[in-house]
Amino acid sequence: MVIVNAFTSVPQSTHTLYCDETGSTGSRFLDPAQPTFAEGGWFIAHEHRRATMDAIVQIEKRYKSGATELKGASLAKSPRGQAMMREVCETLGKLRAVAYIYVVEKRYAVCSKIVETFFDPLYNPRIPNSDTWDPPKRQSDAQFFYENGGSLIEDFTEAYRLMDAPAVKRNAEKWIAHLTAAGLDEDAYRIAGVLAKIEDEICTERRHTAADKTLSGIDSLNLPIVAEVFQFVEQQCPFPCDIVHDQSASFEPIYRYFFNLFTNAKPAVLEMKDGRRIRYGFENAISLSFEDSKMQPLIRATDYALAGARMFIQLTIEEKPIPADVTRIAFGNLGSILLKAYTYMHPSLDEMPALSGHMASNEWSGKVFRRLDVELKDAML
């Protein structure tokens, strides 16, 4: 049911997504200690907010030992903290809260940025305009750079971070030489098409960012995830929904910028070749606001869920043992991605609704979700 305000004709929200991010390193794109970035949270019906907040506070009181605020990154380091986070997450599930996560492998995100830079039809005449609206083609290209780049990925990362146009061009030339030597002449040919204009491309992007102070930090590779969250709420949440994010001095202007960009635009739908859509003129994502996690238990609960998922991913990548409580926490949000894959592979099953998403290489995805599958089966024995 949609409630409409009689005075403004604007739908009133019935649910709220309380969300937070983890693993952000700004324009320092690649950080070995933080290879993953994620945005996630809890969808809560308004009539359940008080019960969920009270439950979180009561659980925290039982575990708290003098700290002014319990933080997921610290809690994840001890079995007691992991148990507390698991209890919070499972209690929210019992109170009908729905977990959400969008997780990004940063190295793959850099490769996606390489695709955007080298294969932009505005600057590379060898790339058809249709590629821009073809996500599977763009993902395939990103996967190609991921598999064939080695240290050239780090080299691009630093050049792009500094918006150093000559250095980005030199990186493109290194890719061409590398791929030619490997016998991948067609791929080298496609990249070579951007050489004449690549410095103009980077200089234009640098001027655009510098001209609008609201976009301080816009060069961060983490920013596409912001648009993903807003689009998910607008298109997938079946109820009019507010978005409440943890306060963040560095990210708040960017969140507001993108939300207003979508909300204030003329209603329109941009459809990709694979059926995915980008909507403008939001009707379902009602508002964006920010709250301090010290005052809002549901923001803290989001931090706990993200900390568990991030720890599960990190231990998977490092091929280390994973505590059972961490697996249970991660299943609350990463599990919806795994279940969606199950129903995709087995058409006889009822299709799992889209509750979460990820942006990652084939290698990363296979490793993380196979491990989650195995750990869950072991936990049920």
Foldseek 3Di string as FASTA:
>chain_A
DWDADPVPRATDFQKAWEKEKPLDPFLLLDDPVRQKIKMKFKIGGPVLQVVLQVVLVVLCVVLDDPDLDDFQLVLVVDPSSLVSLLVSLVVVVVSVIAIEMEMERSLLLLLLVVCCLQQPCVQFVLHDPLCVQAVVSSSVSSLVCSVQPVCLSVQCSVCLSVLPQVSNLVSLVVVLVSCVVVVNNVVSVRSVRRNVCSSVVSVVVVCVCVVDVLCVSVSGSCLVVLQVVVQCQQPFPPTQYEYEYADDPRCVSSSVVVVCQQQVDDWDWDAGPVGDIRTGNGRRHRYYYYDHCSVRVSNSSNSNLVSLLSVLLVCLVVVHDDDLSSLSSNCSYVVLVLQQVVCVVPVVDDHRGDRYYYHYHPVSVVSSSVVSVVSVVVVVD
